[in-house]
Amino acid sequence: MATDYLELNREVLEELKESHPVKYRSLKLYLECQNIYAKTGDWDQAAAHWNAWAENLLAERKKLEESGEWQVTKRTPFGTEGKNILTRHWLNAARVDFSNVYFITKTMNNENNNKNNSYSKARLRVLVNDLLFRDFIFPSDAIFWNAKFRNDVTFSYATIEGDANFQNAVFTRSAWFLGTTFYSRVGFENAKFKRDANFGDVKFSKNSKFSNATFNGAAWFREAIFSSDTSFREATFSVEAWFGKTIFKGVACFNEAIFSGYTRLEHVTFSGDAWFNGAKFSNDAWFGKIAFSGDAWFKEAKFNRGAWFDDTTFNRNANFQLAQFEQPALFLRAQFRQKADFSSIRSEKGFSLHEARFQVVPDFNEAAFHAPPVLDAVHVDEQLTAKRGAWPFRFRHVPEPGENAKRISRNFRALGKMAHEARDWLNEMEFFAQEIRARRFGQDFPFGKNMGRFWFGLIYEKASNFGRSFARPLVLWAVTTALFAALYAALASERGAWNGWDALYLSVRHGLVVGGLVRTGHMQQVIEAMFGEMGSGLALLMMGQTIVSAFFLFLFFLAVRNHFRIR
C-alpha cells in the first residue's frame, strides 16, 4: 500500500495551518504531489498536479496585466510586493514558502532515528518519498531560506517566475538544477552544497548571488547563462569548479573566492567586468579561450598551481597587479587590446607570453621573476602616432590622446629588463628602441630639457635603427666617403699631377680610420700632388672625416655584435 505523506506529516501541517498559512498551503500541495508519485511511480503526473495550480494562477495574473491592475515592486533583498489589493492577494496565493523546512526521505528518516541526530529532532521535519521539484512551475517567489535537504534533490527544468531565495540552505547530498530557469533574482548566499551541485544549462535572468556559498563537491555551471550581475564573492569551491561555455552578461564577481580543486573556465564569455581580486586557486586554473569584453581584475589573486590563459582575449583592461604565480603561468597567444597591468606580480616558476599581443604597452614594473620569462614572438603594437609639428620636425611621433609618454617609456623599460633577464636580446633591443622613441617630445626635447638624449636617440635611430641595422651605417659610410672624395677633389690644386682615383684613395684611407692615422709614402705623395703642403684646414677636414667614419663603422660593428651577440 502506498504511503500517505499527508498523514505522515499531519502534525507539521496542523502546526503550520494557523501560524503560517502560506507555508501550510505550499507544503500541503507538495505532499499531494508526493502521494501521486507514491501511487503511480510517475513523477510527470505529480508535476502536472503542481503545475495545474501554478498555471491557473498565471492565467489570473495575465488577466490582471491586461486590465492594468497588475502593479508590483521588488523588496530588498528578496520578495515581491503588490501596490494594490488585487496584486497583493495574487502574490500571497502564488508565493511558495519552504523556509526552515527539513526535507527527509523515508529511508534517511529511519537512519536518522537510529542515530538520534539533529535532523530527527527538527521541528519542521518533513518526510517525503524523493526530494523532487523537477519540472515544477513556481508562479511567484519561491522561498527555501534555511531549508535542509537530507537526500539528493533535483530542481532540474523547473521554472521560477519570482525571486528564488535559497539563502542558508543546506544540501546534504547532490543538488541538481540542470536546465532550471530563474526569471527573477536568485539568492544562494551562505548556502552549503556538501556534495555535487549541477547548475548546467541554467538561465539566470536577473541578479544572482552565491556569496559565501560552500561547494564541498564538484560545482558545475557548464553552459549556464547569467543575464545580469552575479556574485560568487568569498565562495568556496573544494573540489572541481567547472564553468565551461558559461555566459556572463553582467558583472561577474569572484572576489576572494577560494578554489581548492581544479578550476576550469574554458570558452567562457564575460560581457561585463570580471572580478577575481584576491581569489585563491590551490589547484590548476584554466582560463583558456575566454573572451573578456569588460575589465578583467585579478589583483592580488594567488595561483598555487598552473595558470593557463592560452588564446584568451582581453578586450578591455586586464589587471593582475600583485598577483602571485607559484607554478607556471601561460599566456600563450593571449590578446590584450587595452591596458594590461602586471606590476608587482611574483612568479616562482615559468611565465610565458609566447605569441601574446599587446595593443597597449603592458606594465611589468617591479615584477619579480624567479625564472626567466618567455617572450618569444611577443608583439607590442605601435604606441606612437605621427602628428604635424613645427620645423624642423614637420612630423613627430607622439602618444595617442590620453596616453602618457612617461608611462609608456617606463613600461618599455620594464619589458626590456624582463627580456634581459630572459637573455632575449632581440626583444631587449626592440623594447629599448621603443623606450627612446616614447620619450621624445614628452620627456626629451630638441631644445631644452634632455636635449642631448633627444638628438643622440634620433641619430641612433636614423643611422642604425637602434643598433640593429647593418646596411644603414654601411651605406652612410660609403656616401660620406664619396662626398669627402668629391670635396678633396674640389679643394685640390688644378696644376698638380693627380686624378679622381687619388681623391677617392685619400677619402677611403681616412674613412677606414686606422688607414688615415698612418701616413704611408704613397699617401704622402698623393697629398703633395693634390695640395702641395697640407695646411691646418685640410688637416681638420681629414680629422672630421675620420671621426664621422669612425661613428658609422662603430654602428656597423655594433649591429654585428647585436645580431650575433658577440661579447
Protein backbone atom coordinates (compact mmCIF):
# COMPACT_ATOMS: atom_id res chain seq x y z
CA MET A 1 0.00 0.00 0.00
CA ALA A 2 1.30 3.44 -0.98
CA THR A 3 2.40 5.73 1.82
CA ASP A 4 0.13 8.69 2.59
CA TYR A 5 2.55 11.57 3.05
CA LEU A 6 -0.18 13.97 4.10
CA GLU A 7 -0.98 11.70 7.02
CA LEU A 8 2.68 11.05 7.73
CA ASN A 9 3.29 14.79 8.11
CA ARG A 10 -0.09 15.63 9.72
CA GLU A 11 1.40 17.11 12.89
CA VAL A 12 3.60 19.54 10.96
CA LEU A 13 0.69 20.60 8.77
CA GLU A 14 -1.59 21.21 11.76
CA GLU A 15 1.10 23.29 13.40
CA LEU A 16 1.51 25.46 10.29
CA LYS A 17 -2.17 25.80 9.34
CA GLU A 18 -2.90 28.75 11.58
CA SER A 19 0.56 30.24 12.17
CA HIS A 20 2.00 30.09 8.63
CA PRO A 21 -0.82 29.72 6.07
CA VAL A 22 1.44 30.25 3.02
CA LYS A 23 3.88 27.61 4.24
CA TYR A 24 0.96 25.30 5.08
CA ARG A 25 -0.52 25.63 1.60
CA SER A 26 2.88 25.13 -0.07
CA LEU A 27 3.69 22.03 1.96
CA LYS A 28 0.22 20.51 1.56
CA LEU A 29 0.37 20.89 -2.23
CA TYR A 30 3.85 19.40 -2.35
CA LEU A 31 2.81 16.40 -0.21
CA GLU A 32 -0.15 15.83 -2.55
CA CYS A 33 2.41 15.53 -5.34
CA GLN A 34 4.38 13.07 -3.22
CA ASN A 35 1.26 10.93 -2.77
CA ILE A 36 0.62 10.87 -6.52
CA TYR A 37 4.21 9.80 -7.09
CA ALA A 38 3.97 7.10 -4.40
CA LYS A 39 0.83 5.65 -6.02
CA THR A 40 1.80 5.87 -9.70
CA GLY A 41 5.58 5.88 -9.67
CA ASP A 42 5.32 8.57 -12.37
CA TRP A 43 6.73 11.96 -11.38
CA ASP A 44 5.29 13.59 -14.52
CA GLN A 45 1.80 13.11 -13.09
CA ALA A 46 2.89 14.60 -9.79
CA ALA A 47 4.44 17.60 -11.54
CA ALA A 48 1.26 18.04 -13.60
CA HIS A 49 -0.76 18.34 -10.39
CA TRP A 50 1.53 21.11 -9.10
CA ASN A 51 1.64 22.89 -12.46
CA ALA A 52 -2.15 22.89 -12.81
CA TRP A 53 -2.27 25.05 -9.67
CA ALA A 54 0.55 27.26 -10.97
CA GLU A 55 -0.92 27.71 -14.46
CA ASN A 56 -4.29 28.78 -13.04
CA LEU A 57 -2.55 31.47 -11.05
CA LEU A 58 -0.50 32.59 -14.07
CA ALA A 59 -3.73 32.87 -16.07
CA GLU A 60 -5.17 35.11 -13.34
CA ARG A 61 -2.04 37.23 -13.43
CA LYS A 62 -2.34 37.65 -17.18
CA LYS A 63 -5.88 38.99 -16.71
CA LEU A 64 -4.62 41.47 -14.15
CA GLU A 65 -1.85 42.59 -16.53
CA GLU A 66 -4.31 43.03 -19.40
CA SER A 67 -6.63 45.10 -17.23
CA GLY A 68 -3.77 47.26 -15.94
CA GLU A 69 -4.35 46.17 -12.34
CA TRP A 70 -1.04 44.32 -12.01
CA GLN A 71 1.31 46.58 -10.02
CA VAL A 72 4.36 45.26 -8.20
CA THR A 73 7.61 46.43 -6.63
CA LYS A 74 10.69 44.47 -5.58
CA ARG A 75 11.62 44.19 -1.94
CA THR A 76 15.18 44.15 -0.65
CA PRO A 77 16.84 41.75 -0.56
CA PHE A 78 14.19 39.30 -1.81
CA GLY A 79 10.49 39.10 -2.44
CA THR A 80 7.83 40.91 -4.43
CA GLU A 81 5.20 43.31 -3.08
CA GLY A 82 1.94 44.41 -4.63
CA LYS A 83 0.95 48.04 -4.86
CA ASN A 84 -2.76 47.31 -4.75
CA ILE A 85 -5.10 44.82 -3.07
CA LEU A 86 -5.62 42.58 -6.12
CA THR A 87 -1.90 42.23 -6.76
CA ARG A 88 -1.12 41.58 -3.09
CA HIS A 89 -3.83 38.94 -2.95
CA TRP A 90 -2.42 37.20 -6.02
CA LEU A 91 1.14 37.29 -4.68
CA ASN A 92 0.03 35.80 -1.39
CA ALA A 93 -1.76 32.99 -3.22
CA ALA A 94 1.14 32.31 -5.59
CA ARG A 95 4.06 32.50 -3.14
CA VAL A 96 5.75 29.23 -2.20
CA ASP A 97 7.37 29.08 1.23
CA PHE A 98 9.54 26.17 2.41
CA SER A 99 11.77 28.21 4.71
CA ASN A 100 13.20 26.36 7.72
CA VAL A 101 11.89 23.04 6.41
CA TYR A 102 13.99 19.87 6.81
CA PHE A 103 13.22 17.58 3.91
CA ILE A 104 13.97 13.91 4.71
CA THR A 105 13.20 10.80 2.72
CA LYS A 106 11.71 7.73 4.42
CA THR A 107 14.93 5.75 4.13
CA MET A 108 17.00 8.56 5.55
CA ASN A 109 14.45 9.07 8.35
CA ASN A 110 14.95 5.50 9.60
CA GLU A 111 18.70 6.04 9.65
CA ASN A 112 18.29 9.34 11.48
CA ASN A 113 16.00 7.83 14.11
CA ASN A 114 18.61 5.19 14.80
CA LYS A 115 21.33 7.81 15.12
CA ASN A 116 19.05 10.22 17.03
CA ASN A 117 20.69 13.19 15.32
CA SER A 118 19.54 16.78 14.90
CA TYR A 119 17.56 16.06 11.72
CA SER A 120 15.23 13.64 13.51
CA LYS A 121 14.57 16.31 16.18
CA ALA A 122 13.86 19.12 13.73
CA ARG A 123 10.58 20.95 14.46
CA LEU A 124 9.67 21.29 10.76
CA ARG A 125 10.84 17.88 9.68
CA VAL A 126 9.01 16.76 6.53
CA LEU A 127 9.10 13.17 5.31
CA VAL A 128 8.85 12.59 1.57
CA ASN A 129 9.35 9.81 -0.94
CA ASP A 130 12.04 11.53 -3.04
CA LEU A 131 13.27 15.11 -2.98
CA LEU A 132 11.92 16.08 -6.37
CA PHE A 133 10.94 19.52 -7.66
CA ARG A 134 11.71 18.62 -11.25
CA ASP A 135 9.63 20.35 -13.93
CA PHE A 136 7.76 22.43 -11.34
CA ILE A 137 6.45 25.89 -12.22
CA PHE A 138 6.74 28.38 -9.37
CA PRO A 139 4.35 31.21 -10.37
CA SER A 140 5.87 33.74 -7.97
CA ASP A 141 8.51 33.87 -5.24
CA ALA A 142 10.00 30.57 -4.08
CA ILE A 143 11.39 30.72 -0.54
CA PHE A 144 13.75 27.98 0.60
CA TRP A 145 15.59 30.12 3.15
CA ASN A 146 17.41 27.94 5.71
CA ALA A 147 15.87 24.79 4.21
CA LYS A 148 17.69 21.49 4.70
CA PHE A 149 17.70 18.75 2.09
CA ARG A 150 18.76 15.46 3.68
CA ASN A 151 18.98 13.49 0.42
CA ASP A 152 19.61 14.07 -3.27
CA VAL A 153 17.37 16.88 -4.52
CA THR A 154 16.56 17.96 -8.04
CA PHE A 155 15.08 21.19 -9.34
CA SER A 156 16.02 20.30 -12.91
CA TYR A 157 13.96 22.02 -15.62
CA ALA A 158 11.90 23.88 -13.03
CA THR A 159 10.74 27.42 -13.77
CA ILE A 160 10.71 30.07 -11.05
CA GLU A 161 8.85 33.21 -12.11
CA GLY A 162 9.55 35.25 -8.98
CA ASP A 163 12.52 35.65 -6.66
CA ALA A 164 14.23 32.44 -5.58
CA ASN A 165 15.61 32.55 -2.04
CA PHE A 166 17.94 29.68 -1.08
CA GLN A 167 19.95 31.66 1.45
CA ASN A 168 21.49 29.49 4.18
CA ALA A 169 20.06 26.35 2.56
CA VAL A 170 21.94 23.10 3.19
CA PHE A 171 22.16 20.41 0.51
CA THR A 172 23.49 17.31 2.26
CA ARG A 173 23.62 15.21 -0.88
CA SER A 174 23.74 16.08 -4.59
CA ALA A 175 21.77 19.11 -5.78
CA TRP A 176 20.53 19.18 -9.37
CA PHE A 177 19.39 22.40 -11.02
CA LEU A 178 20.05 21.23 -14.58
CA GLY A 179 18.14 23.35 -17.09
CA THR A 180 16.33 25.39 -14.44
CA THR A 181 15.09 28.85 -15.43
CA PHE A 182 15.12 31.70 -12.92
CA TYR A 183 13.16 34.66 -14.25
CA SER A 184 13.88 36.94 -11.30
CA ARG A 185 16.50 37.39 -8.60
CA VAL A 186 18.29 34.39 -7.14
CA GLY A 187 19.99 34.11 -3.78
CA PHE A 188 22.21 31.24 -2.63
CA GLU A 189 24.20 33.30 -0.11
CA ASN A 190 25.76 31.15 2.62
CA ALA A 191 24.25 28.03 1.05
CA LYS A 192 26.13 24.78 1.68
CA PHE A 193 26.44 22.12 -1.00
CA LYS A 194 28.02 19.17 0.79
CA ARG A 195 28.23 17.09 -2.37
CA ASP A 196 27.99 17.77 -6.11
CA ALA A 197 25.95 20.72 -7.37
CA ASN A 198 24.93 20.81 -11.02
CA PHE A 199 23.73 24.13 -12.46
CA GLY A 200 24.39 23.15 -16.06
CA ASP A 201 22.36 24.97 -18.72
CA VAL A 202 20.63 27.10 -16.07
CA LYS A 203 19.29 30.50 -17.12
CA PHE A 204 19.60 33.32 -14.58
CA SER A 205 17.56 36.23 -15.95
CA LYS A 206 18.23 38.73 -13.15
CA ASN A 207 20.85 39.25 -10.45
CA SER A 208 22.13 36.08 -8.81
CA LYS A 209 24.18 35.74 -5.65
CA PHE A 210 26.27 32.81 -4.42
CA SER A 211 28.31 34.89 -1.97
CA ASN A 212 29.88 32.85 0.84
CA ALA A 213 28.37 29.69 -0.64
CA THR A 214 30.29 26.46 0.06
CA PHE A 215 30.66 23.77 -2.59
CA ASN A 216 32.19 20.68 -0.93
CA GLY A 217 31.61 18.57 -4.03
CA ALA A 218 32.01 19.33 -7.71
CA ALA A 219 30.30 22.55 -8.88
CA TRP A 220 29.16 22.51 -12.49
CA PHE A 221 27.87 25.60 -14.27
CA ARG A 222 28.53 24.38 -17.80
CA GLU A 223 26.64 26.39 -20.46
CA ALA A 224 24.77 28.37 -17.80
CA ILE A 225 23.67 31.87 -18.80
CA PHE A 226 23.86 34.74 -16.29
CA SER A 227 21.94 37.56 -17.96
CA SER A 228 22.63 40.09 -15.21
CA ASP A 229 25.16 40.65 -12.43
CA THR A 230 26.25 37.63 -10.43
CA SER A 231 28.37 37.25 -7.33
CA PHE A 232 30.43 34.35 -6.02
CA ARG A 233 32.26 36.62 -3.59
CA GLU A 234 34.07 34.61 -0.90
CA ALA A 235 32.53 31.40 -2.20
CA THR A 236 34.47 28.18 -1.54
CA PHE A 237 34.93 25.50 -4.20
CA SER A 238 36.51 22.48 -2.52
CA VAL A 239 36.60 20.10 -5.48
CA GLU A 240 36.07 20.90 -9.15
CA ALA A 241 34.65 24.20 -10.38
CA TRP A 242 33.61 23.95 -14.00
CA PHE A 243 32.21 26.93 -15.90
CA GLY A 244 32.74 25.62 -19.43
CA LYS A 245 30.97 27.71 -22.12
CA THR A 246 29.22 29.75 -19.44
CA ILE A 247 27.99 33.21 -20.43
CA PHE A 248 28.16 36.14 -18.00
CA LYS A 249 26.31 39.12 -19.48
CA GLY A 250 26.66 41.36 -16.43
CA VAL A 251 29.36 41.83 -13.81
CA ALA A 252 30.79 38.52 -12.58
CA CYS A 253 32.30 38.83 -9.11
CA PHE A 254 34.58 36.10 -7.72
CA ASN A 255 36.50 38.37 -5.35
CA GLU A 256 38.22 36.45 -2.55
CA ALA A 257 36.70 33.17 -3.70
CA ILE A 258 38.63 30.02 -2.80
CA PHE A 259 39.16 27.38 -5.46
CA SER A 260 40.72 24.35 -3.78
CA GLY A 261 40.15 21.90 -6.62
CA TYR A 262 40.60 22.04 -10.36
CA THR A 263 39.15 25.22 -11.87
CA ARG A 264 38.05 25.23 -15.47
CA LEU A 265 36.66 28.29 -17.21
CA GLU A 266 37.00 27.23 -20.83
CA HIS A 267 35.28 29.10 -23.67
CA VAL A 268 33.57 31.34 -21.11
CA THR A 269 32.19 34.70 -22.25
CA PHE A 270 32.36 37.68 -19.90
CA SER A 271 30.33 40.52 -21.43
CA GLY A 272 30.71 42.70 -18.35
CA ASP A 273 33.53 43.14 -15.88
CA ALA A 274 35.04 40.01 -14.33
CA TRP A 275 36.42 40.34 -10.80
CA PHE A 276 38.77 37.76 -9.30
CA ASN A 277 40.54 40.12 -6.90
CA GLY A 278 42.09 38.23 -4.00
CA ALA A 279 40.86 34.88 -5.31
CA LYS A 280 42.94 31.83 -4.36
CA PHE A 281 43.49 28.91 -6.72
CA SER A 282 45.06 25.93 -4.93
CA ASN A 283 44.94 23.66 -7.98
CA ASP A 284 45.29 24.13 -11.73
CA ALA A 285 43.26 27.04 -13.07
CA TRP A 286 42.28 27.04 -16.72
CA PHE A 287 41.11 30.34 -18.23
CA GLY A 288 41.83 29.35 -21.81
CA LYS A 289 39.92 30.64 -24.83
CA ILE A 290 37.92 33.13 -22.81
CA ALA A 291 36.57 36.40 -24.17
CA PHE A 292 36.70 39.20 -21.58
CA SER A 293 34.60 42.02 -23.05
CA GLY A 294 34.75 44.09 -19.86
CA ASP A 295 37.62 44.76 -17.48
CA ALA A 296 39.30 41.65 -16.06
CA TRP A 297 40.51 42.02 -12.48
CA PHE A 298 42.91 39.52 -10.90
CA LYS A 299 44.51 41.93 -8.43
CA GLU A 300 46.24 40.07 -5.57
CA ALA A 301 44.98 36.73 -6.89
CA LYS A 302 47.09 33.75 -5.88
CA PHE A 303 47.72 30.76 -8.14
CA ASN A 304 49.36 27.88 -6.27
CA ARG A 305 49.41 25.60 -9.29
CA GLY A 306 49.44 26.15 -13.05
CA ALA A 307 47.53 29.09 -14.54
CA TRP A 308 46.51 28.86 -18.19
CA PHE A 309 45.29 31.88 -20.15
CA ASP A 310 46.03 30.43 -23.60
CA ASP A 311 44.18 32.04 -26.54
CA THR A 312 42.30 34.32 -24.15
CA THR A 313 41.20 37.74 -25.34
CA PHE A 314 41.12 40.74 -23.01
CA ASN A 315 39.09 43.34 -24.89
CA ARG A 316 39.37 45.90 -22.12
CA ASN A 317 41.75 46.49 -19.22
CA ALA A 318 43.40 43.47 -17.59
CA ASN A 319 44.72 43.95 -14.06
CA PHE A 320 47.00 41.33 -12.46
CA GLN A 321 48.68 43.74 -10.06
CA LEU A 322 50.31 41.96 -7.06
CA ALA A 323 49.16 38.55 -8.32
CA GLN A 324 51.25 35.55 -7.25
CA PHE A 325 52.07 32.61 -9.51
CA GLU A 326 53.69 29.73 -7.62
CA GLN A 327 53.77 27.45 -10.69
CA PRO A 328 53.97 28.15 -14.45
CA ALA A 329 51.66 30.85 -15.80
CA LEU A 330 50.98 30.66 -19.52
CA PHE A 331 49.53 33.45 -21.64
CA LEU A 332 50.19 31.77 -24.99
CA ARG A 333 48.67 33.71 -27.90
CA ALA A 334 46.70 35.88 -25.46
CA GLN A 335 45.35 39.15 -26.85
CA PHE A 336 45.41 42.32 -24.73
CA ARG A 337 43.51 45.09 -26.50
CA GLN A 338 43.71 47.74 -23.80
CA LYS A 339 45.87 48.32 -20.73
CA ALA A 340 47.45 45.28 -19.08
CA ASP A 341 48.79 45.78 -15.57
CA PHE A 342 51.20 43.11 -14.30
CA SER A 343 53.01 45.44 -11.92
CA SER A 344 54.47 43.89 -8.76
CA ILE A 345 53.47 40.35 -9.71
CA ARG A 346 55.57 37.49 -8.35
CA SER A 347 56.31 34.42 -10.45
CA GLU A 348 58.13 31.49 -8.87
CA LYS A 349 58.28 29.25 -11.94
CA GLY A 350 57.88 29.77 -15.68
CA PHE A 351 55.99 32.78 -17.04
CA SER A 352 55.26 32.67 -20.76
CA LEU A 353 53.95 35.36 -23.09
CA HIS A 354 54.71 33.33 -26.21
CA GLU A 355 52.98 34.95 -29.20
CA ALA A 356 51.00 37.24 -26.90
CA ARG A 357 49.91 40.54 -28.42
CA PHE A 358 49.51 43.85 -26.60
CA GLN A 359 47.83 46.81 -28.26
CA VAL A 360 48.92 48.99 -25.33
CA VAL A 361 52.36 48.53 -23.78
CA PRO A 362 51.87 46.40 -20.63
CA ASP A 363 53.05 47.41 -17.17
CA PHE A 364 55.54 44.96 -15.61
CA ASN A 365 57.18 47.45 -13.28
CA GLU A 366 58.52 45.89 -10.07
CA ALA A 367 57.54 42.42 -11.28
CA ALA A 368 59.68 39.64 -9.77
CA PHE A 369 60.55 36.54 -11.78
CA HIS A 370 62.47 33.70 -10.15
CA ALA A 371 62.77 32.04 -13.56
CA PRO A 372 63.36 34.00 -16.79
CA PRO A 373 60.07 34.85 -18.54
CA VAL A 374 59.43 33.60 -22.07
CA LEU A 375 58.88 36.44 -24.55
CA ASP A 376 59.20 34.53 -27.83
CA ALA A 377 57.27 36.25 -30.62
CA VAL A 378 55.57 38.63 -28.19
CA HIS A 379 54.23 41.68 -30.02
CA VAL A 380 53.52 45.19 -28.77
CA ASP A 381 51.65 47.40 -31.22
CA GLU A 382 52.97 50.82 -32.27
CA GLN A 383 52.34 53.21 -29.39
CA LEU A 384 53.07 56.47 -31.20
CA THR A 385 51.17 58.34 -33.88
CA ALA A 386 52.60 60.78 -36.45
CA LYS A 387 51.44 64.34 -35.82
CA ARG A 388 52.25 67.54 -37.68
CA GLY A 389 54.67 69.81 -35.87
CA ALA A 390 56.75 72.92 -36.37
CA TRP A 391 60.00 72.96 -38.37
CA PRO A 392 62.38 71.16 -38.27
CA PHE A 393 60.03 68.38 -37.09
CA ARG A 394 57.22 68.61 -39.56
CA PHE A 395 56.09 65.20 -38.39
CA ARG A 396 56.63 64.00 -34.87
CA HIS A 397 55.64 60.69 -33.26
CA VAL A 398 53.74 61.18 -30.02
CA PRO A 399 51.39 59.02 -27.89
CA GLU A 400 47.70 58.80 -28.64
CA PRO A 401 45.48 61.34 -26.85
CA GLY A 402 45.02 60.31 -23.23
CA GLU A 403 48.22 58.27 -23.14
CA ASN A 404 51.20 59.29 -21.05
CA ALA A 405 54.66 59.30 -22.61
CA LYS A 406 56.33 58.78 -19.26
CA ARG A 407 54.17 55.73 -18.52
CA ILE A 408 54.87 54.25 -21.96
CA SER A 409 58.63 54.69 -21.69
CA ARG A 410 58.66 53.31 -18.13
CA ASN A 411 56.70 50.25 -19.17
CA PHE A 412 59.00 49.61 -22.13
CA ARG A 413 61.97 49.86 -19.77
CA ALA A 414 60.40 47.19 -17.55
CA LEU A 415 59.85 44.96 -20.59
CA GLY A 416 63.47 45.47 -21.59
CA LYS A 417 64.55 44.35 -18.12
CA MET A 418 62.42 41.20 -18.48
CA ALA A 419 63.95 40.48 -21.89
CA HIS A 420 67.44 40.98 -20.49
CA GLU A 421 66.75 38.51 -17.66
CA ALA A 422 65.49 36.04 -20.24
CA ARG A 423 68.58 36.69 -22.43
CA ASP A 424 66.18 37.58 -25.22
CA TRP A 425 68.43 40.09 -26.96
CA LEU A 426 66.18 40.88 -29.91
CA ASN A 427 63.25 41.82 -27.70
CA GLU A 428 65.56 43.69 -25.36
CA MET A 429 66.74 45.88 -28.26
CA GLU A 430 63.19 46.37 -29.50
CA PHE A 431 61.90 47.49 -26.11
CA PHE A 432 64.92 49.78 -25.66
CA ALA A 433 64.17 51.37 -29.04
CA GLN A 434 60.52 51.92 -28.12
CA GLU A 435 61.50 53.43 -24.78
CA ILE A 436 63.75 56.01 -26.50
CA ARG A 437 61.07 56.85 -29.07
CA ALA A 438 58.37 57.25 -26.42
CA ARG A 439 60.46 59.80 -24.50
CA ARG A 440 60.64 62.27 -27.39
CA PHE A 441 58.56 65.42 -27.09
CA GLY A 442 57.30 64.13 -23.74
CA GLN A 443 60.43 63.88 -21.63
CA ASP A 444 63.19 64.69 -24.12
CA PHE A 445 63.02 67.84 -26.25
CA PRO A 446 65.14 69.07 -29.19
CA PHE A 447 65.86 72.36 -27.43
CA GLY A 448 65.86 72.45 -23.68
CA LYS A 449 65.31 69.58 -21.29
CA ASN A 450 67.28 66.39 -22.12
CA MET A 451 68.37 67.88 -25.46
CA GLY A 452 71.44 65.62 -25.70
CA ARG A 453 69.37 62.48 -25.15
CA PHE A 454 66.89 63.65 -27.76
CA TRP A 455 69.45 64.20 -30.52
CA PHE A 456 71.54 61.16 -29.72
CA GLY A 457 68.45 58.96 -29.75
CA LEU A 458 67.24 60.46 -33.02
CA ILE A 459 70.63 59.99 -34.75
CA TYR A 460 70.98 56.50 -33.29
CA GLU A 461 67.59 55.58 -34.72
CA LYS A 462 68.07 57.07 -38.18
CA ALA A 463 71.67 55.91 -38.61
CA SER A 464 71.35 52.32 -37.39
CA ASN A 465 67.77 51.55 -36.33
CA PHE A 466 68.99 51.49 -32.72
CA GLY A 467 71.98 49.28 -33.42
CA ARG A 468 70.02 46.66 -35.38
CA SER A 469 70.80 47.58 -38.99
CA PHE A 470 73.95 46.56 -40.90
CA ALA A 471 73.00 48.39 -44.08
CA ARG A 472 72.26 51.89 -42.78
CA PRO A 473 75.68 52.70 -41.24
CA LEU A 474 77.48 50.95 -44.13
CA VAL A 475 75.58 52.96 -46.73
CA LEU A 476 76.10 56.17 -44.77
CA TRP A 477 79.81 55.43 -44.52
CA ALA A 478 80.03 54.89 -48.29
CA VAL A 479 78.07 58.08 -49.01
CA THR A 480 80.23 60.21 -46.70
CA THR A 481 83.38 58.66 -48.19
CA ALA A 482 82.21 59.63 -51.68
CA LEU A 483 81.29 63.13 -50.52
CA PHE A 484 84.66 63.68 -48.90
CA ALA A 485 86.36 62.37 -52.06
CA ALA A 486 84.45 64.98 -54.08
CA LEU A 487 85.35 67.63 -51.52
CA TYR A 488 89.05 66.71 -51.67
CA ALA A 489 88.93 66.91 -55.46
CA ALA A 490 87.27 70.34 -55.34
CA LEU A 491 89.92 71.70 -52.99
CA ALA A 492 92.93 70.17 -54.80
CA SER A 493 95.32 72.24 -56.96
CA GLU A 494 94.46 72.16 -60.64
CA ARG A 495 98.16 72.12 -61.55
CA GLY A 496 99.03 69.01 -59.54
CA ALA A 497 99.70 65.61 -61.11
CA TRP A 498 96.65 63.79 -59.69
CA ASN A 499 93.33 62.34 -60.84
CA GLY A 500 89.96 61.33 -59.38
CA TRP A 501 91.23 57.97 -58.13
CA ASP A 502 93.72 59.78 -55.95
CA ALA A 503 90.92 61.77 -54.29
CA LEU A 504 88.93 58.56 -53.71
CA TYR A 505 92.03 56.80 -52.37
CA LEU A 506 92.62 59.62 -49.90
CA SER A 507 88.99 59.57 -48.76
CA VAL A 508 88.88 55.78 -48.34
CA ARG A 509 92.10 55.82 -46.30
CA HIS A 510 90.65 58.35 -43.88
CA GLY A 511 87.27 56.61 -43.98
CA LEU A 512 88.89 53.43 -42.68
CA VAL A 513 90.05 55.42 -39.65
CA VAL A 514 93.24 53.48 -38.95
CA GLY A 515 94.45 53.99 -42.52
CA GLY A 516 94.02 57.74 -42.14
CA LEU A 517 96.06 57.86 -38.98
CA VAL A 518 99.06 56.08 -40.52
CA ARG A 519 100.96 58.10 -43.14
CA THR A 520 102.44 55.82 -45.83
CA GLY A 521 104.82 57.00 -48.54
CA HIS A 522 102.17 56.72 -51.25
CA MET A 523 99.60 58.57 -49.21
CA GLN A 524 102.08 61.41 -48.62
CA GLN A 525 102.78 61.59 -52.38
CA VAL A 526 99.02 61.84 -53.11
CA ILE A 527 98.59 64.66 -50.59
CA GLU A 528 101.58 66.58 -52.05
CA ALA A 529 100.35 66.05 -55.61
CA MET A 530 96.83 67.29 -54.77
CA PHE A 531 97.52 70.02 -52.21
CA GLY A 532 101.27 70.65 -52.07
CA GLU A 533 101.77 71.32 -48.43
CA MET A 534 98.92 70.22 -46.05
CA GLY A 535 97.67 73.18 -44.10
CA SER A 536 95.68 73.21 -40.85
CA GLY A 537 92.34 73.50 -42.66
CA LEU A 538 92.94 70.34 -44.67
CA ALA A 539 94.14 68.52 -41.55
CA LEU A 540 90.94 69.46 -39.70
CA LEU A 541 88.85 68.34 -42.66
CA MET A 542 90.54 64.94 -42.72
CA MET A 543 90.19 64.66 -38.96
CA GLY A 544 86.47 65.38 -39.27
CA GLN A 545 86.08 62.63 -41.88
CA THR A 546 87.88 60.20 -39.59
CA ILE A 547 85.51 60.99 -36.70
CA VAL A 548 82.37 60.71 -38.85
CA SER A 549 83.58 57.49 -40.44
CA ALA A 550 84.54 56.06 -37.05
CA PHE A 551 80.99 56.72 -35.84
CA PHE A 552 79.41 54.88 -38.79
CA LEU A 553 81.85 51.98 -38.55
CA PHE A 554 81.13 51.73 -34.83
CA LEU A 555 77.41 51.46 -35.57
CA PHE A 556 78.10 48.80 -38.21
CA PHE A 557 80.13 46.62 -35.86
CA LEU A 558 77.61 47.24 -33.07
CA ALA A 559 74.91 45.81 -35.33
CA VAL A 560 77.13 42.79 -35.99
CA ARG A 561 77.63 42.32 -32.27
CA ASN A 562 73.94 42.71 -31.51
CA HIS A 563 72.96 40.29 -34.23
CA PHE A 564 75.32 37.55 -33.19
CA ARG A 565 75.54 38.71 -29.59
CA ILE A 566 79.37 38.63 -29.60
CA ARG A 567 80.76 39.54 -26.17
